[in-house]
Amino acid sequence: MRNSLAGSKKGKSESAKYFQSNKSARDKKNAYNKEYHSTNERRKYRSELNKENRKSGTYGNKDGKDKSHTRLGKIVSEVQSKNRARNGKGGTPRLK
């Protein structure tokens, strides 16, 4: 096993546990996400980042790096965990 938390319920967030045990809530969430992420705005956002990742050679090589939009719209390289955790649970910022 990769780490002690992988595959155990102990390592899951409260929301992950909730959605795992409530199928109707999970279905509703997945339906919303499917609609949201298929909008033209989200597709454009993803394609910009994927294009930059390919250009820099980090796309799909599992190096732990992502491209990220700054608040001013600039695209920068960043560690995946920091990039994906920025908005925090429930929209509460974790990082400044």
PDB file of N, CA and C in Angstrom:
ATOM      1  N   MET A   1       0.835  -1.180   0.000  1.00  0.00           N
ATOM      2  CA  MET A   1       0.000   0.000   0.000  1.00  0.00           C
ATOM      3  C   MET A   1       0.882   1.245   0.000  1.00  0.00           C
ATOM      4  N   ARG A   2       0.458   2.281  -0.762  1.00  0.00           N
ATOM      5  CA  ARG A   2       1.230   3.512  -0.875  1.00  0.00           C
ATOM      6  C   ARG A   2       1.510   4.161   0.465  1.00  0.00           C
ATOM      7  N   ASN A   3       0.458   4.373   1.227  1.00  0.00           N
ATOM      8  CA  ASN A   3       0.630   4.973   2.536  1.00  0.00           C
ATOM      9  C   ASN A   3      -0.415   4.421   3.498  1.00  0.00           C
ATOM     10  N   SER A   4      -0.304   4.762   4.753  1.00  0.00           N
ATOM     11  CA  SER A   4      -1.181   4.177   5.761  1.00  0.00           C
ATOM     12  C   SER A   4      -2.633   4.606   5.616  1.00  0.00           C
ATOM     13  N   LEU A   5      -2.883   5.743   4.949  1.00  0.00           N
ATOM     14  CA  LEU A   5      -4.253   6.228   4.828  1.00  0.00           C
ATOM     15  C   LEU A   5      -4.953   5.720   3.571  1.00  0.00           C
ATOM     16  N   ALA A   6      -4.195   5.300   2.575  1.00  0.00           N
ATOM     17  CA  ALA A   6      -4.785   4.861   1.317  1.00  0.00           C
ATOM     18  C   ALA A   6      -5.664   3.641   1.542  1.00  0.00           C
ATOM     19  N   GLY A   7      -6.885   3.730   1.086  1.00  0.00           N
ATOM     20  CA  GLY A   7      -7.790   2.594   1.164  1.00  0.00           C
ATOM     21  C   GLY A   7      -8.518   2.455   2.493  1.00  0.00           C
ATOM     22  N   SER A   8      -8.247   3.300   3.448  1.00  0.00           N
ATOM     23  CA  SER A   8      -8.942   3.181   4.732  1.00  0.00           C
ATOM     24  C   SER A   8      -9.923   4.329   4.887  1.00  0.00           C
ATOM     25  N   LYS A   9     -11.006   4.095   5.606  1.00  0.00           N
ATOM     26  CA  LYS A   9     -11.989   5.148   5.856  1.00  0.00           C
ATOM     27  C   LYS A   9     -11.402   6.224   6.751  1.00  0.00           C
ATOM     28  N   LYS A  10     -10.436   5.856   7.541  1.00  0.00           N
ATOM     29  CA  LYS A  10      -9.829   6.771   8.502  1.00  0.00           C
ATOM     30  C   LYS A  10      -9.283   8.025   7.818  1.00  0.00           C
ATOM     31  N   GLY A  11      -8.730   7.888   6.634  1.00  0.00           N
ATOM     32  CA  GLY A  11      -8.091   9.000   5.953  1.00  0.00           C
ATOM     33  C   GLY A  11      -9.029   9.863   5.128  1.00  0.00           C
ATOM     34  N   LYS A  12     -10.342   9.552   5.111  1.00  0.00           N
ATOM     35  CA  LYS A  12     -11.266  10.325   4.282  1.00  0.00           C
ATOM     36  C   LYS A  12     -11.802  11.532   5.027  1.00  0.00           C
ATOM     37  N   SER A  13     -12.073  12.585   4.269  1.00  0.00           N
ATOM     38  CA  SER A  13     -12.669  13.777   4.859  1.00  0.00           C
ATOM     39  C   SER A  13     -14.111  13.480   5.243  1.00  0.00           C
ATOM     40  N   GLU A  14     -14.686  14.359   6.039  1.00  0.00           N
ATOM     41  CA  GLU A  14     -16.077  14.184   6.465  1.00  0.00           C
ATOM     42  C   GLU A  14     -17.017  14.194   5.261  1.00  0.00           C
ATOM     43  N   SER A  15     -16.758  15.086   4.305  1.00  0.00           N
ATOM     44  CA  SER A  15     -17.637  15.154   3.137  1.00  0.00           C
ATOM     45  C   SER A  15     -17.506  13.892   2.278  1.00  0.00           C
ATOM     46  N   ALA A  16     -16.306  13.353   2.161  1.00  0.00           N
ATOM     47  CA  ALA A  16     -16.115  12.115   1.388  1.00  0.00           C
ATOM     48  C   ALA A  16     -16.868  10.964   2.027  1.00  0.00           C
ATOM     49  N   LYS A  17     -16.827  10.897   3.341  1.00  0.00           N
ATOM     50  CA  LYS A  17     -17.573   9.847   4.063  1.00  0.00           C
ATOM     51  C   LYS A  17     -19.073  10.021   3.841  1.00  0.00           C
ATOM     52  N   TYR A  18     -19.539  11.273   3.891  1.00  0.00           N
ATOM     53  CA  TYR A  18     -20.954  11.565   3.702  1.00  0.00           C
ATOM     54  C   TYR A  18     -21.415  11.116   2.321  1.00  0.00           C
ATOM     55  N   PHE A  19     -20.702  11.524   1.284  1.00  0.00           N
ATOM     56  CA  PHE A  19     -21.110  11.177  -0.074  1.00  0.00           C
ATOM     57  C   PHE A  19     -20.994   9.676  -0.341  1.00  0.00           C
ATOM     58  N   GLN A  20     -20.064   9.011   0.334  1.00  0.00           N
ATOM     59  CA  GLN A  20     -19.936   7.571   0.162  1.00  0.00           C
ATOM     60  C   GLN A  20     -21.161   6.845   0.713  1.00  0.00           C
ATOM     61  N   SER A  21     -21.721   7.360   1.801  1.00  0.00           N
ATOM     62  CA  SER A  21     -22.832   6.667   2.436  1.00  0.00           C
ATOM     63  C   SER A  21     -24.206   7.203   2.027  1.00  0.00           C
ATOM     64  N   ASN A  22     -24.281   8.268   1.224  1.00  0.00           N
ATOM     65  CA  ASN A  22     -25.556   8.836   0.784  1.00  0.00           C
ATOM     66  C   ASN A  22     -25.610   8.909  -0.728  1.00  0.00           C
ATOM     67  N   LYS A  23     -26.144   7.832  -1.329  1.00  0.00           N
ATOM     68  CA  LYS A  23     -26.153   7.724  -2.783  1.00  0.00           C
ATOM     69  C   LYS A  23     -26.914   8.860  -3.465  1.00  0.00           C
ATOM     70  N   SER A  24     -28.050   9.274  -2.916  1.00  0.00           N
ATOM     71  CA  SER A  24     -28.831  10.330  -3.580  1.00  0.00           C
ATOM     72  C   SER A  24     -28.069  11.659  -3.580  1.00  0.00           C
ATOM     73  N   ALA A  25     -27.391  11.967  -2.484  1.00  0.00           N
ATOM     74  CA  ALA A  25     -26.586  13.194  -2.413  1.00  0.00           C
ATOM     75  C   ALA A  25     -25.416  13.112  -3.384  1.00  0.00           C
ATOM     76  N   ARG A  26     -24.783  11.947  -3.456  1.00  0.00           N
ATOM     77  CA  ARG A  26     -23.648  11.750  -4.362  1.00  0.00           C
ATOM     78  C   ARG A  26     -24.095  11.904  -5.815  1.00  0.00           C
ATOM     79  N   ASP A  27     -25.261  11.323  -6.149  1.00  0.00           N
ATOM     80  CA  ASP A  27     -25.790  11.436  -7.512  1.00  0.00           C
ATOM     81  C   ASP A  27     -26.092  12.883  -7.877  1.00  0.00           C
ATOM     82  N   LYS A  28     -26.672  13.632  -6.918  1.00  0.00           N
ATOM     83  CA  LYS A  28     -26.992  15.032  -7.147  1.00  0.00           C
ATOM     84  C   LYS A  28     -25.720  15.847  -7.362  1.00  0.00           C
ATOM     85  N   LYS A  29     -24.704  15.593  -6.538  1.00  0.00           N
ATOM     86  CA  LYS A  29     -23.416  16.280  -6.654  1.00  0.00           C
ATOM     87  C   LYS A  29     -22.755  15.973  -7.994  1.00  0.00           C
ATOM     88  N   ASN A  30     -22.766  14.699  -8.394  1.00  0.00           N
ATOM     89  CA  ASN A  30     -22.146  14.304  -9.656  1.00  0.00           C
ATOM     90  C   ASN A  30     -22.864  14.912 -10.854  1.00  0.00           C
ATOM     91  N   ALA A  31     -24.199  15.022 -10.773  1.00  0.00           N
ATOM     92  CA  ALA A  31     -24.966  15.635 -11.857  1.00  0.00           C
ATOM     93  C   ALA A  31     -24.599  17.115 -11.986  1.00  0.00           C
ATOM     94  N   TYR A  32     -24.486  17.796 -10.851  1.00  0.00           N
ATOM     95  CA  TYR A  32     -24.092  19.209 -10.868  1.00  0.00           C
ATOM     96  C   TYR A  32     -22.692  19.367 -11.457  1.00  0.00           C
ATOM     97  N   ASN A  33     -21.738  18.551 -10.981  1.00  0.00           N
ATOM     98  CA  ASN A  33     -20.359  18.657 -11.456  1.00  0.00           C
ATOM     99  C   ASN A  33     -20.260  18.393 -12.956  1.00  0.00           C
ATOM    100  N   LYS A  34     -21.019  17.414 -13.433  1.00  0.00           N
ATOM    101  CA  LYS A  34     -20.996  17.091 -14.858  1.00  0.00           C
ATOM    102  C   LYS A  34     -21.460  18.290 -15.686  1.00  0.00           C
ATOM    103  N   GLU A  35     -22.526  18.942 -15.229  1.00  0.00           N
ATOM    104  CA  GLU A  35     -23.050  20.107 -15.943  1.00  0.00           C
ATOM    105  C   GLU A  35     -22.072  21.284 -15.862  1.00  0.00           C
ATOM    106  N   TYR A  36     -21.554  21.551 -14.671  1.00  0.00           N
ATOM    107  CA  TYR A  36     -20.652  22.683 -14.452  1.00  0.00           C
ATOM    108  C   TYR A  36     -19.367  22.555 -15.267  1.00  0.00           C
ATOM    109  N   HIS A  37     -18.753  21.384 -15.228  1.00  0.00           N
ATOM    110  CA  HIS A  37     -17.466  21.209 -15.890  1.00  0.00           C
ATOM    111  C   HIS A  37     -17.575  21.030 -17.402  1.00  0.00           C
ATOM    112  N   SER A  38     -18.803  20.948 -17.914  1.00  0.00           N
ATOM    113  CA  SER A  38     -18.960  20.849 -19.362  1.00  0.00           C
ATOM    114  C   SER A  38     -19.286  22.200 -19.994  1.00  0.00           C
ATOM    115  N   THR A  39     -19.334  23.268 -19.197  1.00  0.00           N
ATOM    116  CA  THR A  39     -19.596  24.592 -19.760  1.00  0.00           C
ATOM    117  C   THR A  39     -18.392  25.066 -20.572  1.00  0.00           C
ATOM    118  N   ASN A  40     -18.644  25.971 -21.495  1.00  0.00           N
ATOM    119  CA  ASN A  40     -17.566  26.492 -22.344  1.00  0.00           C
ATOM    120  C   ASN A  40     -16.484  27.179 -21.523  1.00  0.00           C
ATOM    121  N   GLU A  41     -16.887  27.874 -20.467  1.00  0.00           N
ATOM    122  CA  GLU A  41     -15.922  28.572 -19.608  1.00  0.00           C
ATOM    123  C   GLU A  41     -14.942  27.592 -18.949  1.00  0.00           C
ATOM    124  N   ARG A  42     -15.457  26.497 -18.395  1.00  0.00           N
ATOM    125  CA  ARG A  42     -14.605  25.499 -17.735  1.00  0.00           C
ATOM    126  C   ARG A  42     -13.730  24.770 -18.740  1.00  0.00           C
ATOM    127  N   ARG A  43     -14.276  24.484 -19.927  1.00  0.00           N
ATOM    128  CA  ARG A  43     -13.496  23.797 -20.956  1.00  0.00           C
ATOM    129  C   ARG A  43     -12.308  24.662 -21.388  1.00  0.00           C
ATOM    130  N   LYS A  44     -12.569  25.955 -21.564  1.00  0.00           N
ATOM    131  CA  LYS A  44     -11.506  26.874 -21.957  1.00  0.00           C
ATOM    132  C   LYS A  44     -10.441  26.950 -20.866  1.00  0.00           C
ATOM    133  N   TYR A  45     -10.880  27.051 -19.614  1.00  0.00           N
ATOM    134  CA  TYR A  45      -9.977  27.128 -18.457  1.00  0.00           C
ATOM    135  C   TYR A  45      -9.050  25.899 -18.414  1.00  0.00           C
ATOM    136  N   ARG A  46      -9.665  24.700 -18.545  1.00  0.00           N
ATOM    137  CA  ARG A  46      -8.879  23.459 -18.527  1.00  0.00           C
ATOM    138  C   ARG A  46      -7.926  23.367 -19.706  1.00  0.00           C
ATOM    139  N   SER A  47      -8.413  23.766 -20.887  1.00  0.00           N
ATOM    140  CA  SER A  47      -7.575  23.630 -22.081  1.00  0.00           C
ATOM    141  C   SER A  47      -6.353  24.536 -22.011  1.00  0.00           C
ATOM    142  N   GLU A  48      -6.513  25.732 -21.426  1.00  0.00           N
ATOM    143  CA  GLU A  48      -5.360  26.630 -21.264  1.00  0.00           C
ATOM    144  C   GLU A  48      -4.284  25.983 -20.396  1.00  0.00           C
ATOM    145  N   LEU A  49      -4.720  25.418 -19.272  1.00  0.00           N
ATOM    146  CA  LEU A  49      -3.767  24.804 -18.346  1.00  0.00           C
ATOM    147  C   LEU A  49      -3.128  23.547 -18.952  1.00  0.00           C
ATOM    148  N   ASN A  50      -3.931  22.731 -19.636  1.00  0.00           N
ATOM    149  CA  ASN A  50      -3.384  21.531 -20.275  1.00  0.00           C
ATOM    150  C   ASN A  50      -2.376  21.885 -21.358  1.00  0.00           C
ATOM    151  N   LYS A  51      -2.676  22.917 -22.124  1.00  0.00           N
ATOM    152  CA  LYS A  51      -1.767  23.372 -23.174  1.00  0.00           C
ATOM    153  C   LYS A  51      -0.427  23.798 -22.582  1.00  0.00           C
ATOM    154  N   GLU A  52      -0.479  24.577 -21.497  1.00  0.00           N
ATOM    155  CA  GLU A  52       0.755  25.017 -20.832  1.00  0.00           C
ATOM    156  C   GLU A  52       1.513  23.844 -20.208  1.00  0.00           C
ATOM    157  N   ASN A  53       0.792  22.887 -19.630  1.00  0.00           N
ATOM    158  CA  ASN A  53       1.437  21.703 -19.057  1.00  0.00           C
ATOM    159  C   ASN A  53       2.165  20.900 -20.131  1.00  0.00           C
ATOM    160  N   ARG A  54       1.529  20.753 -21.286  1.00  0.00           N
ATOM    161  CA  ARG A  54       2.174  20.024 -22.386  1.00  0.00           C
ATOM    162  C   ARG A  54       3.420  20.760 -22.872  1.00  0.00           C
ATOM    163  N   LYS A  55       3.290  22.083 -22.986  1.00  0.00           N
ATOM    164  CA  LYS A  55       4.397  22.899 -23.474  1.00  0.00           C
ATOM    165  C   LYS A  55       5.619  22.787 -22.551  1.00  0.00           C
ATOM    166  N   SER A  56       5.374  22.753 -21.249  1.00  0.00           N
ATOM    167  CA  SER A  56       6.482  22.703 -20.292  1.00  0.00           C
ATOM    168  C   SER A  56       6.952  21.272 -19.997  1.00  0.00           C
ATOM    169  N   GLY A  57       6.253  20.282 -20.539  1.00  0.00           N
ATOM    170  CA  GLY A  57       6.672  18.895 -20.352  1.00  0.00           C
ATOM    171  C   GLY A  57       6.209  18.259 -19.052  1.00  0.00           C
ATOM    172  N   THR A  58       5.282  18.901 -18.336  1.00  0.00           N
ATOM    173  CA  THR A  58       4.823  18.325 -17.074  1.00  0.00           C
ATOM    174  C   THR A  58       3.510  17.572 -17.210  1.00  0.00           C
ATOM    175  N   TYR A  59       2.908  17.584 -18.383  1.00  0.00           N
ATOM    176  CA  TYR A  59       1.610  16.935 -18.568  1.00  0.00           C
ATOM    177  C   TYR A  59       1.757  15.415 -18.535  1.00  0.00           C
ATOM    178  N   GLY A  60       1.152  14.780 -17.543  1.00  0.00           N
ATOM    179  CA  GLY A  60       1.101  13.326 -17.480  1.00  0.00           C
ATOM    180  C   GLY A  60       2.368  12.632 -17.045  1.00  0.00           C
ATOM    181  N   ASN A  61       3.403  13.352 -16.601  1.00  0.00           N
ATOM    182  CA  ASN A  61       4.643  12.670 -16.233  1.00  0.00           C
ATOM    183  C   ASN A  61       4.749  12.395 -14.732  1.00  0.00           C
ATOM    184  N   LYS A  62       3.678  12.719 -13.976  1.00  0.00           N
ATOM    185  CA  LYS A  62       3.609  12.417 -12.545  1.00  0.00           C
ATOM    186  C   LYS A  62       4.744  13.055 -11.744  1.00  0.00           C
ATOM    187  N   ASP A  63       5.116  14.272 -12.108  1.00  0.00           N
ATOM    188  CA  ASP A  63       6.183  14.959 -11.377  1.00  0.00           C
ATOM    189  C   ASP A  63       5.647  15.788 -10.213  1.00  0.00           C
ATOM    190  N   GLY A  64       4.315  15.789 -10.015  1.00  0.00           N
ATOM    191  CA  GLY A  64       3.728  16.534  -8.909  1.00  0.00           C
ATOM    192  C   GLY A  64       3.571  18.012  -9.172  1.00  0.00           C
ATOM    193  N   LYS A  65       3.745  18.447 -10.417  1.00  0.00           N
ATOM    194  CA  LYS A  65       3.616  19.864 -10.762  1.00  0.00           C
ATOM    195  C   LYS A  65       2.338  20.094 -11.571  1.00  0.00           C
ATOM    196  N   ASP A  66       1.746  21.270 -11.376  1.00  0.00           N
ATOM    197  CA  ASP A  66       0.574  21.723 -12.121  1.00  0.00           C
ATOM    198  C   ASP A  66       0.851  23.114 -12.651  1.00  0.00           C
ATOM    199  N   LYS A  67       0.067  23.510 -13.612  1.00  0.00           N
ATOM    200  CA  LYS A  67       0.028  24.909 -14.000  1.00  0.00           C
ATOM    201  C   LYS A  67      -1.192  25.495 -13.316  1.00  0.00           C
ATOM    202  N   SER A  68      -1.082  26.741 -12.883  1.00  0.00           N
ATOM    203  CA  SER A  68      -2.127  27.367 -12.098  1.00  0.00           C
ATOM    204  C   SER A  68      -2.348  28.792 -12.560  1.00  0.00           C
ATOM    205  N   HIS A  69      -3.619  29.233 -12.552  1.00  0.00           N
ATOM    206  CA  HIS A  69      -3.928  30.628 -12.839  1.00  0.00           C
ATOM    207  C   HIS A  69      -3.752  31.434 -11.558  1.00  0.00           C
ATOM    208  N   THR A  70      -3.051  32.545 -11.653  1.00  0.00           N
ATOM    209  CA  THR A  70      -2.954  33.454 -10.514  1.00  0.00           C
ATOM    210  C   THR A  70      -4.194  34.342 -10.509  1.00  0.00           C
ATOM    211  N   ARG A  71      -4.354  35.137  -9.475  1.00  0.00           N
ATOM    212  CA  ARG A  71      -5.515  36.025  -9.405  1.00  0.00           C
ATOM    213  C   ARG A  71      -5.499  37.063 -10.521  1.00  0.00           C
ATOM    214  N   LEU A  72      -4.327  37.381 -11.027  1.00  0.00           N
ATOM    215  CA  LEU A  72      -4.211  38.356 -12.115  1.00  0.00           C
ATOM    216  C   LEU A  72      -4.334  37.715 -13.488  1.00  0.00           C
ATOM    217  N   GLY A  73      -4.502  36.381 -13.541  1.00  0.00           N
ATOM    218  CA  GLY A  73      -4.699  35.693 -14.804  1.00  0.00           C
ATOM    219  C   GLY A  73      -3.448  35.088 -15.406  1.00  0.00           C
ATOM    220  N   LYS A  74      -2.303  35.295 -14.782  1.00  0.00           N
ATOM    221  CA  LYS A  74      -1.045  34.737 -15.270  1.00  0.00           C
ATOM    222  C   LYS A  74      -1.017  33.233 -14.961  1.00  0.00           C
ATOM    223  N   ILE A  75      -0.372  32.449 -15.814  1.00  0.00           N
ATOM    224  CA  ILE A  75      -0.250  31.008 -15.592  1.00  0.00           C
ATOM    225  C   ILE A  75       1.144  30.709 -15.069  1.00  0.00           C
ATOM    226  N   VAL A  76       1.215  30.041 -13.907  1.00  0.00           N
ATOM    227  CA  VAL A  76       2.487  29.729 -13.270  1.00  0.00           C
ATOM    228  C   VAL A  76       2.556  28.249 -12.928  1.00  0.00           C
ATOM    229  N   SER A  77       3.771  27.751 -12.728  1.00  0.00           N
ATOM    230  CA  SER A  77       3.969  26.373 -12.305  1.00  0.00           C
ATOM    231  C   SER A  77       3.847  26.305 -10.790  1.00  0.00           C
ATOM    232  N   GLU A  78       3.233  25.223 -10.301  1.00  0.00           N
ATOM    233  CA  GLU A  78       2.981  25.113  -8.866  1.00  0.00           C
ATOM    234  C   GLU A  78       2.869  23.640  -8.468  1.00  0.00           C
ATOM    235  N   VAL A  79       3.157  23.353  -7.204  1.00  0.00           N
ATOM    236  CA  VAL A  79       3.009  21.998  -6.678  1.00  0.00           C
ATOM    237  C   VAL A  79       1.521  21.652  -6.659  1.00  0.00           C
ATOM    238  N   GLN A  80       1.171  20.446  -7.128  1.00  0.00           N
ATOM    239  CA  GLN A  80      -0.225  20.023  -7.235  1.00  0.00           C
ATOM    240  C   GLN A  80      -0.998  20.188  -5.945  1.00  0.00           C
ATOM    241  N   SER A  81      -0.431  19.744  -4.840  1.00  0.00           N
ATOM    242  CA  SER A  81      -1.163  19.751  -3.579  1.00  0.00           C
ATOM    243  C   SER A  81      -1.528  21.168  -3.147  1.00  0.00           C
ATOM    244  N   LYS A  82      -0.650  22.127  -3.379  1.00  0.00           N
ATOM    245  CA  LYS A  82      -0.934  23.521  -3.026  1.00  0.00           C
ATOM    246  C   LYS A  82      -1.996  24.103  -3.955  1.00  0.00           C
ATOM    247  N   ASN A  83      -1.876  23.811  -5.237  1.00  0.00           N
ATOM    248  CA  ASN A  83      -2.808  24.322  -6.224  1.00  0.00           C
ATOM    249  C   ASN A  83      -4.223  23.810  -5.965  1.00  0.00           C
ATOM    250  N   ARG A  84      -4.364  22.528  -5.697  1.00  0.00           N
ATOM    251  CA  ARG A  84      -5.683  21.926  -5.568  1.00  0.00           C
ATOM    252  C   ARG A  84      -6.303  22.133  -4.199  1.00  0.00           C
ATOM    253  N   ALA A  85      -5.515  22.552  -3.217  1.00  0.00           N
ATOM    254  CA  ALA A  85      -6.042  22.775  -1.866  1.00  0.00           C
ATOM    255  C   ALA A  85      -6.322  24.238  -1.590  1.00  0.00           C
ATOM    256  N   ARG A  86      -6.029  25.107  -2.529  1.00  0.00           N
ATOM    257  CA  ARG A  86      -6.074  26.546  -2.277  1.00  0.00           C
ATOM    258  C   ARG A  86      -7.400  27.034  -1.725  1.00  0.00           C
ATOM    259  N   ASN A  87      -8.499  26.636  -2.297  1.00  0.00           N
ATOM    260  CA  ASN A  87      -9.781  27.171  -1.856  1.00  0.00           C
ATOM    261  C   ASN A  87     -10.310  26.491  -0.599  1.00  0.00           C
ATOM    262  N   GLY A  88      -9.704  25.418  -0.197  1.00  0.00           N
ATOM    263  CA  GLY A  88     -10.076  24.775   1.053  1.00  0.00           C
ATOM    264  C   GLY A  88     -11.458  24.147   1.023  1.00  0.00           C
ATOM    265  N   LYS A  89     -11.784  23.489   2.101  1.00  0.00           N
ATOM    266  CA  LYS A  89     -13.084  22.843   2.235  1.00  0.00           C
ATOM    267  C   LYS A  89     -14.148  23.917   2.431  1.00  0.00           C
ATOM    268  N   GLY A  90     -15.200  23.844   1.663  1.00  0.00           N
ATOM    269  CA  GLY A  90     -16.296  24.798   1.806  1.00  0.00           C
ATOM    270  C   GLY A  90     -15.949  26.216   1.403  1.00  0.00           C
ATOM    271  N   GLY A  91     -14.899  26.399   0.616  1.00  0.00           N
ATOM    272  CA  GLY A  91     -14.530  27.717   0.148  1.00  0.00           C
ATOM    273  C   GLY A  91     -13.720  28.544   1.144  1.00  0.00           C
ATOM    274  N   THR A  92     -13.341  27.946   2.270  1.00  0.00           N
ATOM    275  CA  THR A  92     -12.536  28.661   3.252  1.00  0.00           C
ATOM    276  C   THR A  92     -11.079  28.577   2.835  1.00  0.00           C
ATOM    277  N   PRO A  93     -10.428  29.707   2.570  1.00  0.00           N
ATOM    278  CA  PRO A  93      -9.036  29.671   2.114  1.00  0.00           C
ATOM    279  C   PRO A  93      -8.104  29.056   3.144  1.00  0.00           C
ATOM    280  N   ARG A  94      -7.216  28.182   2.689  1.00  0.00           N
ATOM    281  CA  ARG A  94      -6.222  27.569   3.557  1.00  0.00           C
ATOM    282  C   ARG A  94      -4.897  28.321   3.468  1.00  0.00           C
ATOM    283  N   LEU A  95      -4.579  28.734   2.248  1.00  0.00           N
ATOM    284  CA  LEU A  95      -3.287  29.376   2.000  1.00  0.00           C
ATOM    285  C   LEU A  95      -3.491  30.851   1.712  1.00  0.00           C
ATOM    286  N   LYS A  96      -2.503  31.629   2.036  1.00  0.00           N
ATOM    287  CA  LYS A  96      -2.606  33.071   1.752  1.00  0.00           C
ATOM    288  C   LYS A  96      -1.729  33.454   0.608  1.00  0.00           C
TER     289      LYS A  96
END
